[in-house]
Amino acid sequence: MAGNTVSDAFAQASGNVLIDSVVYVGLPLWTSESPSSGLTVTYAFMTTPLLPSDVANTIDNFAPLNSTQQSAVRLIYGTSQSLTGLTFLETADTQGADIVFGTEDIDSPFTMALTYSDYDIRFAADGSISALDRKDYVYFDNVEWYDVMVDPVPGSLGYETILHEIGHTLGLDDTAYTQTLPSLLDNTDVTVMSYHETDTYKANFSVLDVAALHYLYADSGTIRDFGLTPVAPWPGTGPSVPGTMLAVA
């Protein structure tokens, strides 16, 4: 689906306060990119640092993702295919990829990871959108939070953190920013976009995340059936499992 109006192209509020508490309202949807590429989202692992041109930050202590971090990214995007109807494709082309990953010494000592979103939009003479190109830049901290992020196996805080950042690349927002989720529900059992941890670190998107992803993609017209999507297994754990094995907790 290519959005040819602004309302089609950008994530809109649903009117459901729970779903809207994790929807990144105003973020361009991947389905709004050109019709030939909007259902395939590419990601790459940086070998040199990249940032949006309008970001003043500098990248300190850059390093590429290690093999465990890369495996976490691959597994999360694999399980996200059946939730969004999108195809996530790894590429070596960091300049052309839709989403790129690296590590750095993030300025704030309290920040484990962050995501920058950048987009370029062009309009036709009639005011419709003729082209839209979005690119996300995801960084994991490799100094203060090195011990957490260096070995992000499923069920660890590092893995949950990567899940949270990938949530941003899929169009989800932090509950701390939207400030509309009732406090009783503002925890990671309900959404991994919450800053309030429960007693277990999450290896899958939680129930509200899944509802929001279905709203953003299935309900907004993604022309892809939601079916069984083979997912690469965690290294050393056996054969592939279908994406619909993704649990909600």
C-alpha atoms as a PDB file:
ATOM      1  CA  MET A   1       0.000   0.000   0.000  1.00  0.00           C
ATOM      2  CA  ALA A   2       1.370   3.388  -0.887  1.00  0.00           C
ATOM      3  CA  GLY A   3      -0.131   6.286   0.966  1.00  0.00           C
ATOM      4  CA  ASN A   4      -0.905   9.074  -1.492  1.00  0.00           C
ATOM      5  CA  THR A   5      -2.289  11.467   1.115  1.00  0.00           C
ATOM      6  CA  VAL A   6      -0.705  12.720   4.296  1.00  0.00           C
ATOM      7  CA  SER A   7      -3.323  10.982   6.432  1.00  0.00           C
ATOM      8  CA  ASP A   8      -2.579   7.685   4.662  1.00  0.00           C
ATOM      9  CA  ALA A   9       1.184   8.087   4.879  1.00  0.00           C
ATOM     10  CA  PHE A  10       1.568   8.859   8.580  1.00  0.00           C
ATOM     11  CA  ALA A  11       0.447   6.864  11.598  1.00  0.00           C
ATOM     12  CA  GLN A  12      -2.838   8.233  12.908  1.00  0.00           C
ATOM     13  CA  ALA A  13      -4.524   7.913  16.281  1.00  0.00           C
ATOM     14  CA  SER A  14      -7.089   5.119  16.367  1.00  0.00           C
ATOM     15  CA  GLY A  15      -9.394   6.630  18.951  1.00  0.00           C
ATOM     16  CA  ASN A  16      -8.719   3.713  21.279  1.00  0.00           C
ATOM     17  CA  VAL A  17      -6.795   5.151  24.229  1.00  0.00           C
ATOM     18  CA  LEU A  18      -4.975   1.884  24.877  1.00  0.00           C
ATOM     19  CA  ILE A  19      -3.728   1.396  21.325  1.00  0.00           C
ATOM     20  CA  ASP A  20      -2.938   5.098  20.985  1.00  0.00           C
ATOM     21  CA  SER A  21      -0.752   4.940  24.087  1.00  0.00           C
ATOM     22  CA  VAL A  22       1.836   3.029  22.042  1.00  0.00           C
ATOM     23  CA  VAL A  23       1.241   4.385  18.512  1.00  0.00           C
ATOM     24  CA  TYR A  24       3.898   6.811  17.266  1.00  0.00           C
ATOM     25  CA  VAL A  25       1.392   9.287  15.814  1.00  0.00           C
ATOM     26  CA  GLY A  26       2.885  11.229  12.913  1.00  0.00           C
ATOM     27  CA  LEU A  27       5.580   8.711  11.994  1.00  0.00           C
ATOM     28  CA  PRO A  28       5.558   7.665   8.330  1.00  0.00           C
ATOM     29  CA  LEU A  29       4.475   4.060   7.840  1.00  0.00           C
ATOM     30  CA  TRP A  30       6.667   1.689   5.848  1.00  0.00           C
ATOM     31  CA  THR A  31       3.595   0.857   3.793  1.00  0.00           C
ATOM     32  CA  SER A  32       3.625   4.467   2.569  1.00  0.00           C
ATOM     33  CA  GLU A  33       6.888   4.139   0.715  1.00  0.00           C
ATOM     34  CA  SER A  34       6.787   3.586  -3.036  1.00  0.00           C
ATOM     35  CA  PRO A  35       4.443   0.778  -4.156  1.00  0.00           C
ATOM     36  CA  SER A  36       7.390  -1.318  -5.344  1.00  0.00           C
ATOM     37  CA  SER A  37       9.156  -1.298  -1.974  1.00  0.00           C
ATOM     38  CA  GLY A  38       6.603  -0.418   0.700  1.00  0.00           C
ATOM     39  CA  LEU A  39       5.970  -4.002   1.799  1.00  0.00           C
ATOM     40  CA  THR A  40       9.664  -4.909   2.014  1.00  0.00           C
ATOM     41  CA  VAL A  41      11.732  -3.195   4.696  1.00  0.00           C
ATOM     42  CA  THR A  42      15.496  -3.633   4.561  1.00  0.00           C
ATOM     43  CA  TYR A  43      17.884  -3.490   7.508  1.00  0.00           C
ATOM     44  CA  ALA A  44      21.662  -3.506   7.720  1.00  0.00           C
ATOM     45  CA  PHE A  45      24.451  -3.566  10.291  1.00  0.00           C
ATOM     46  CA  MET A  46      26.695  -0.510  10.080  1.00  0.00           C
ATOM     47  CA  THR A  47      30.447  -0.856   9.682  1.00  0.00           C
ATOM     48  CA  THR A  48      30.922   2.912   9.914  1.00  0.00           C
ATOM     49  CA  PRO A  49      28.651   5.331  11.799  1.00  0.00           C
ATOM     50  CA  LEU A  50      25.672   6.954  10.100  1.00  0.00           C
ATOM     51  CA  LEU A  51      23.209   9.579  11.325  1.00  0.00           C
ATOM     52  CA  PRO A  52      20.483  11.737   9.805  1.00  0.00           C
ATOM     53  CA  SER A  53      21.988  14.854   8.242  1.00  0.00           C
ATOM     54  CA  ASP A  54      20.091  17.197  10.568  1.00  0.00           C
ATOM     55  CA  VAL A  55      21.249  15.534  13.814  1.00  0.00           C
ATOM     56  CA  ALA A  56      23.944  17.497  15.616  1.00  0.00           C
ATOM     57  CA  ASN A  57      25.130  14.577  17.760  1.00  0.00           C
ATOM     58  CA  THR A  58      28.472  12.983  17.108  1.00  0.00           C
ATOM     59  CA  ILE A  59      29.006   9.232  17.368  1.00  0.00           C
ATOM     60  CA  ASP A  60      31.572   8.312  20.025  1.00  0.00           C
ATOM     61  CA  ASN A  61      33.248   4.926  20.358  1.00  0.00           C
ATOM     62  CA  PHE A  62      31.386   3.439  17.380  1.00  0.00           C
ATOM     63  CA  ALA A  63      31.500  -0.321  16.938  1.00  0.00           C
ATOM     64  CA  PRO A  64      29.499  -2.719  14.743  1.00  0.00           C
ATOM     65  CA  LEU A  65      27.020  -5.090  16.342  1.00  0.00           C
ATOM     66  CA  ASN A  66      28.526  -8.366  17.515  1.00  0.00           C
ATOM     67  CA  SER A  67      27.145 -11.706  16.324  1.00  0.00           C
ATOM     68  CA  THR A  68      24.757 -12.126  19.280  1.00  0.00           C
ATOM     69  CA  GLN A  69      23.323  -8.642  18.803  1.00  0.00           C
ATOM     70  CA  GLN A  70      22.847  -9.301  15.101  1.00  0.00           C
ATOM     71  CA  SER A  71      21.087 -12.583  15.873  1.00  0.00           C
ATOM     72  CA  ALA A  72      18.696 -10.755  18.204  1.00  0.00           C
ATOM     73  CA  VAL A  73      17.814  -8.230  15.503  1.00  0.00           C
ATOM     74  CA  ARG A  74      17.247 -10.969  12.924  1.00  0.00           C
ATOM     75  CA  LEU A  75      15.016 -12.994  15.231  1.00  0.00           C
ATOM     76  CA  ILE A  76      12.861 -10.031  16.251  1.00  0.00           C
ATOM     77  CA  TYR A  77      12.326  -8.912  12.664  1.00  0.00           C
ATOM     78  CA  GLY A  78      11.570 -12.505  11.707  1.00  0.00           C
ATOM     79  CA  THR A  79       8.803 -12.752  14.276  1.00  0.00           C
ATOM     80  CA  SER A  80       7.544  -9.287  13.293  1.00  0.00           C
ATOM     81  CA  GLN A  81       6.679 -10.375   9.756  1.00  0.00           C
ATOM     82  CA  SER A  82       3.500 -12.185  10.762  1.00  0.00           C
ATOM     83  CA  LEU A  83       2.461  -9.236  12.964  1.00  0.00           C
ATOM     84  CA  THR A  84       2.791  -6.588  10.268  1.00  0.00           C
ATOM     85  CA  GLY A  85       2.507  -8.326   6.907  1.00  0.00           C
ATOM     86  CA  LEU A  86       5.850  -6.748   6.002  1.00  0.00           C
ATOM     87  CA  THR A  87       8.922  -8.608   4.776  1.00  0.00           C
ATOM     88  CA  PHE A  88      12.115  -7.668   6.635  1.00  0.00           C
ATOM     89  CA  LEU A  89      15.163  -8.278   4.515  1.00  0.00           C
ATOM     90  CA  GLU A  90      18.784  -8.038   5.666  1.00  0.00           C
ATOM     91  CA  THR A  91      21.152  -6.268   3.286  1.00  0.00           C
ATOM     92  CA  ALA A  92      24.817  -5.273   3.267  1.00  0.00           C
ATOM     93  CA  ASP A  93      23.917  -1.905   1.720  1.00  0.00           C
ATOM     94  CA  THR A  94      23.957   0.384   4.753  1.00  0.00           C
ATOM     95  CA  GLN A  95      23.464   3.508   2.654  1.00  0.00           C
ATOM     96  CA  GLY A  96      20.362   2.160   0.957  1.00  0.00           C
ATOM     97  CA  ALA A  97      18.865   0.201   3.868  1.00  0.00           C
ATOM     98  CA  ASP A  98      15.676   1.420   5.529  1.00  0.00           C
ATOM     99  CA  ILE A  99      17.001   0.661   9.038  1.00  0.00           C
ATOM    100  CA  VAL A 100      20.615   0.505  10.202  1.00  0.00           C
ATOM    101  CA  PHE A 101      22.113  -0.699  13.486  1.00  0.00           C
ATOM    102  CA  GLY A 102      25.339   0.113  15.345  1.00  0.00           C
ATOM    103  CA  THR A 103      26.724   0.665  18.843  1.00  0.00           C
ATOM    104  CA  GLU A 104      28.217   3.749  20.461  1.00  0.00           C
ATOM    105  CA  ASP A 105      28.829   5.490  23.775  1.00  0.00           C
ATOM    106  CA  ILE A 106      25.440   7.203  24.103  1.00  0.00           C
ATOM    107  CA  ASP A 107      25.738  10.588  25.831  1.00  0.00           C
ATOM    108  CA  SER A 108      23.158   9.960  28.541  1.00  0.00           C
ATOM    109  CA  PRO A 109      24.415   7.443  31.117  1.00  0.00           C
ATOM    110  CA  PHE A 110      20.796   6.350  31.660  1.00  0.00           C
ATOM    111  CA  THR A 111      20.117   5.425  28.019  1.00  0.00           C
ATOM    112  CA  MET A 112      20.701   1.842  26.883  1.00  0.00           C
ATOM    113  CA  ALA A 113      19.698   2.396  23.253  1.00  0.00           C
ATOM    114  CA  LEU A 114      18.095   4.985  20.997  1.00  0.00           C
ATOM    115  CA  THR A 115      16.481   5.285  17.591  1.00  0.00           C
ATOM    116  CA  TYR A 116      16.539   8.199  15.168  1.00  0.00           C
ATOM    117  CA  SER A 117      13.889   8.395  12.420  1.00  0.00           C
ATOM    118  CA  ASP A 118      14.392  10.496   9.324  1.00  0.00           C
ATOM    119  CA  TYR A 119      12.252  10.836   6.218  1.00  0.00           C
ATOM    120  CA  ASP A 120      12.061  12.673   2.928  1.00  0.00           C
ATOM    121  CA  ILE A 121       8.677  13.369   1.385  1.00  0.00           C
ATOM    122  CA  ARG A 122       7.905  14.772  -2.060  1.00  0.00           C
ATOM    123  CA  PHE A 123       4.552  16.042  -3.277  1.00  0.00           C
ATOM    124  CA  ALA A 124       2.973  16.004  -6.732  1.00  0.00           C
ATOM    125  CA  ALA A 125       1.358  19.081  -8.257  1.00  0.00           C
ATOM    126  CA  ASP A 126      -2.073  18.012  -7.007  1.00  0.00           C
ATOM    127  CA  GLY A 127      -0.826  17.833  -3.417  1.00  0.00           C
ATOM    128  CA  SER A 128      -0.658  14.044  -3.232  1.00  0.00           C
ATOM    129  CA  ILE A 129       2.509  12.314  -2.104  1.00  0.00           C
ATOM    130  CA  SER A 130       4.644  11.282  -5.067  1.00  0.00           C
ATOM    131  CA  ALA A 131       7.462   9.703  -3.059  1.00  0.00           C
ATOM    132  CA  LEU A 132       8.302   9.035   0.559  1.00  0.00           C
ATOM    133  CA  ASP A 133      11.570   7.627   1.857  1.00  0.00           C
ATOM    134  CA  ARG A 134      12.131   6.845   5.543  1.00  0.00           C
ATOM    135  CA  LYS A 135      15.327   5.717   7.258  1.00  0.00           C
ATOM    136  CA  ASP A 136      15.868   4.723  10.901  1.00  0.00           C
ATOM    137  CA  TYR A 137      19.179   4.659  12.780  1.00  0.00           C
ATOM    138  CA  VAL A 138      19.363   2.449  15.881  1.00  0.00           C
ATOM    139  CA  TYR A 139      22.256   2.547  18.352  1.00  0.00           C
ATOM    140  CA  PHE A 140      22.969   0.400  21.412  1.00  0.00           C
ATOM    141  CA  ASP A 141      25.157   1.775  24.186  1.00  0.00           C
ATOM    142  CA  ASN A 142      28.578   0.093  24.417  1.00  0.00           C
ATOM    143  CA  VAL A 143      30.059   1.798  27.502  1.00  0.00           C
ATOM    144  CA  GLU A 144      27.812   2.357  30.539  1.00  0.00           C
ATOM    145  CA  TRP A 145      25.419  -0.407  29.412  1.00  0.00           C
ATOM    146  CA  TYR A 146      27.997  -2.618  27.734  1.00  0.00           C
ATOM    147  CA  ASP A 147      27.444  -5.550  30.105  1.00  0.00           C
ATOM    148  CA  VAL A 148      23.686  -5.476  29.436  1.00  0.00           C
ATOM    149  CA  MET A 149      23.832  -5.009  25.666  1.00  0.00           C
ATOM    150  CA  VAL A 150      26.826  -7.178  24.747  1.00  0.00           C
ATOM    151  CA  ASP A 151      25.033 -10.528  25.143  1.00  0.00           C
ATOM    152  CA  PRO A 152      21.320  -9.952  24.419  1.00  0.00           C
ATOM    153  CA  VAL A 153      19.938 -13.472  24.484  1.00  0.00           C
ATOM    154  CA  PRO A 154      16.143 -13.916  24.622  1.00  0.00           C
ATOM    155  CA  GLY A 155      14.856 -13.362  28.148  1.00  0.00           C
ATOM    156  CA  SER A 156      17.555 -10.843  29.058  1.00  0.00           C
ATOM    157  CA  LEU A 157      17.286  -7.092  29.605  1.00  0.00           C
ATOM    158  CA  GLY A 158      19.499  -6.539  26.568  1.00  0.00           C
ATOM    159  CA  TYR A 159      17.159  -8.510  24.312  1.00  0.00           C
ATOM    160  CA  GLU A 160      14.101  -6.705  25.697  1.00  0.00           C
ATOM    161  CA  THR A 161      15.868  -3.398  25.018  1.00  0.00           C
ATOM    162  CA  ILE A 162      16.457  -4.372  21.387  1.00  0.00           C
ATOM    163  CA  LEU A 163      12.812  -5.457  21.161  1.00  0.00           C
ATOM    164  CA  HIS A 164      11.813  -1.996  22.454  1.00  0.00           C
ATOM    165  CA  GLU A 165      13.971  -0.192  19.871  1.00  0.00           C
ATOM    166  CA  ILE A 166      12.702  -2.361  17.038  1.00  0.00           C
ATOM    167  CA  GLY A 167       9.224  -1.460  18.281  1.00  0.00           C
ATOM    168  CA  HIS A 168      10.116   2.143  17.453  1.00  0.00           C
ATOM    169  CA  THR A 169      11.157   1.140  13.926  1.00  0.00           C
ATOM    170  CA  LEU A 170       7.749  -0.526  13.514  1.00  0.00           C
ATOM    171  CA  GLY A 171       5.844   2.593  14.573  1.00  0.00           C
ATOM    172  CA  LEU A 172       5.479   2.199  18.342  1.00  0.00           C
ATOM    173  CA  ASP A 173       6.061   4.981  20.869  1.00  0.00           C
ATOM    174  CA  ASP A 174       7.092   5.075  24.528  1.00  0.00           C
ATOM    175  CA  THR A 175       4.237   5.152  27.030  1.00  0.00           C
ATOM    176  CA  ALA A 176       6.294   7.678  29.001  1.00  0.00           C
ATOM    177  CA  TYR A 177       5.933  10.093  26.071  1.00  0.00           C
ATOM    178  CA  THR A 178       2.315   9.500  25.129  1.00  0.00           C
ATOM    179  CA  GLN A 179       1.277   9.544  28.824  1.00  0.00           C
ATOM    180  CA  THR A 180      -2.180   8.141  28.092  1.00  0.00           C
ATOM    181  CA  LEU A 181      -1.891   4.569  29.388  1.00  0.00           C
ATOM    182  CA  PRO A 182      -3.509   4.028  32.805  1.00  0.00           C
ATOM    183  CA  SER A 183      -0.783   3.479  35.408  1.00  0.00           C
ATOM    184  CA  LEU A 184      -2.134   0.032  36.276  1.00  0.00           C
ATOM    185  CA  LEU A 185      -1.365  -1.089  32.720  1.00  0.00           C
ATOM    186  CA  ASP A 186       1.865   0.836  32.216  1.00  0.00           C
ATOM    187  CA  ASN A 187       4.287  -2.083  32.521  1.00  0.00           C
ATOM    188  CA  THR A 188       6.144  -4.489  30.258  1.00  0.00           C
ATOM    189  CA  ASP A 189       3.622  -7.294  30.783  1.00  0.00           C
ATOM    190  CA  VAL A 190       1.228  -5.116  28.756  1.00  0.00           C
ATOM    191  CA  THR A 191       3.691  -3.361  26.421  1.00  0.00           C
ATOM    192  CA  VAL A 192       7.450  -3.500  25.948  1.00  0.00           C
ATOM    193  CA  MET A 193       7.236   0.226  25.179  1.00  0.00           C
ATOM    194  CA  SER A 194       6.787   0.871  28.917  1.00  0.00           C
ATOM    195  CA  TYR A 195       9.714   1.890  31.127  1.00  0.00           C
ATOM    196  CA  HIS A 196       8.210  -0.020  34.061  1.00  0.00           C
ATOM    197  CA  GLU A 197       9.689  -3.512  34.275  1.00  0.00           C
ATOM    198  CA  THR A 198       7.864  -6.500  35.698  1.00  0.00           C
ATOM    199  CA  ASP A 199       9.603  -9.536  37.157  1.00  0.00           C
ATOM    200  CA  THR A 200      10.503 -11.104  33.794  1.00  0.00           C
ATOM    201  CA  TYR A 201      12.302  -9.605  30.813  1.00  0.00           C
ATOM    202  CA  LYS A 202      10.305 -10.016  27.627  1.00  0.00           C
ATOM    203  CA  ALA A 203      11.419 -11.987  24.582  1.00  0.00           C
ATOM    204  CA  ASN A 204       8.315 -11.094  22.535  1.00  0.00           C
ATOM    205  CA  PHE A 205       6.082  -8.119  21.961  1.00  0.00           C
ATOM    206  CA  SER A 206       3.389  -7.876  24.620  1.00  0.00           C
ATOM    207  CA  VAL A 207      -0.350  -7.898  24.051  1.00  0.00           C
ATOM    208  CA  LEU A 208      -0.828  -4.151  23.553  1.00  0.00           C
ATOM    209  CA  ASP A 209       2.124  -3.979  21.144  1.00  0.00           C
ATOM    210  CA  VAL A 210       0.550  -6.696  19.012  1.00  0.00           C
ATOM    211  CA  ALA A 211      -2.795  -4.872  19.000  1.00  0.00           C
ATOM    212  CA  ALA A 212      -1.112  -1.634  17.916  1.00  0.00           C
ATOM    213  CA  LEU A 213       0.866  -3.356  15.150  1.00  0.00           C
ATOM    214  CA  HIS A 214      -2.316  -4.943  13.825  1.00  0.00           C
ATOM    215  CA  TYR A 215      -3.970  -1.525  13.871  1.00  0.00           C
ATOM    216  CA  LEU A 216      -1.062   0.131  12.041  1.00  0.00           C
ATOM    217  CA  TYR A 217      -0.636  -2.510   9.362  1.00  0.00           C
ATOM    218  CA  ALA A 218      -3.511  -4.995   9.053  1.00  0.00           C
ATOM    219  CA  ASP A 219      -6.270  -2.499   9.700  1.00  0.00           C
ATOM    220  CA  SER A 220      -4.663   0.220   7.597  1.00  0.00           C
ATOM    221  CA  GLY A 221      -4.682  -1.923   4.483  1.00  0.00           C
ATOM    222  CA  THR A 222      -1.454  -3.888   4.213  1.00  0.00           C
ATOM    223  CA  ILE A 223      -1.999  -6.095   1.171  1.00  0.00           C
ATOM    224  CA  ARG A 224      -0.378  -9.153   2.683  1.00  0.00           C
ATOM    225  CA  ASP A 225      -2.085 -12.078   4.367  1.00  0.00           C
ATOM    226  CA  PHE A 226      -1.215 -12.742   7.994  1.00  0.00           C
ATOM    227  CA  GLY A 227      -0.059 -16.350   7.947  1.00  0.00           C
ATOM    228  CA  LEU A 228       2.700 -18.631   9.126  1.00  0.00           C
ATOM    229  CA  THR A 229       6.062 -16.974   8.569  1.00  0.00           C
ATOM    230  CA  PRO A 230       9.158 -19.153   8.985  1.00  0.00           C
ATOM    231  CA  VAL A 231      11.518 -17.539  11.466  1.00  0.00           C
ATOM    232  CA  ALA A 232      15.223 -18.246  11.786  1.00  0.00           C
ATOM    233  CA  PRO A 233      15.886 -19.996  15.108  1.00  0.00           C
ATOM    234  CA  TRP A 234      18.123 -18.634  17.817  1.00  0.00           C
ATOM    235  CA  PRO A 235      21.612 -20.023  17.008  1.00  0.00           C
ATOM    236  CA  GLY A 236      21.975 -23.572  18.275  1.00  0.00           C
ATOM    237  CA  THR A 237      18.329 -24.061  19.260  1.00  0.00           C
ATOM    238  CA  GLY A 238      17.099 -26.209  16.388  1.00  0.00           C
ATOM    239  CA  PRO A 239      14.871 -25.813  13.317  1.00  0.00           C
ATOM    240  CA  SER A 240      12.897 -22.784  12.253  1.00  0.00           C
ATOM    241  CA  VAL A 241       9.596 -22.064  13.957  1.00  0.00           C
ATOM    242  CA  PRO A 242       6.599 -20.239  12.489  1.00  0.00           C
ATOM    243  CA  GLY A 243       6.280 -16.561  13.311  1.00  0.00           C
ATOM    244  CA  THR A 244       2.838 -17.086  14.742  1.00  0.00           C
ATOM    245  CA  MET A 245       4.456 -18.936  17.625  1.00  0.00           C
ATOM    246  CA  LEU A 246       5.168 -15.466  18.974  1.00  0.00           C
ATOM    247  CA  ALA A 247       3.584 -15.354  22.415  1.00  0.00           C
ATOM    248  CA  VAL A 248       2.072 -12.408  24.211  1.00  0.00           C
ATOM    249  CA  ALA A 249       2.646 -11.978  27.913  1.00  0.00           C
END
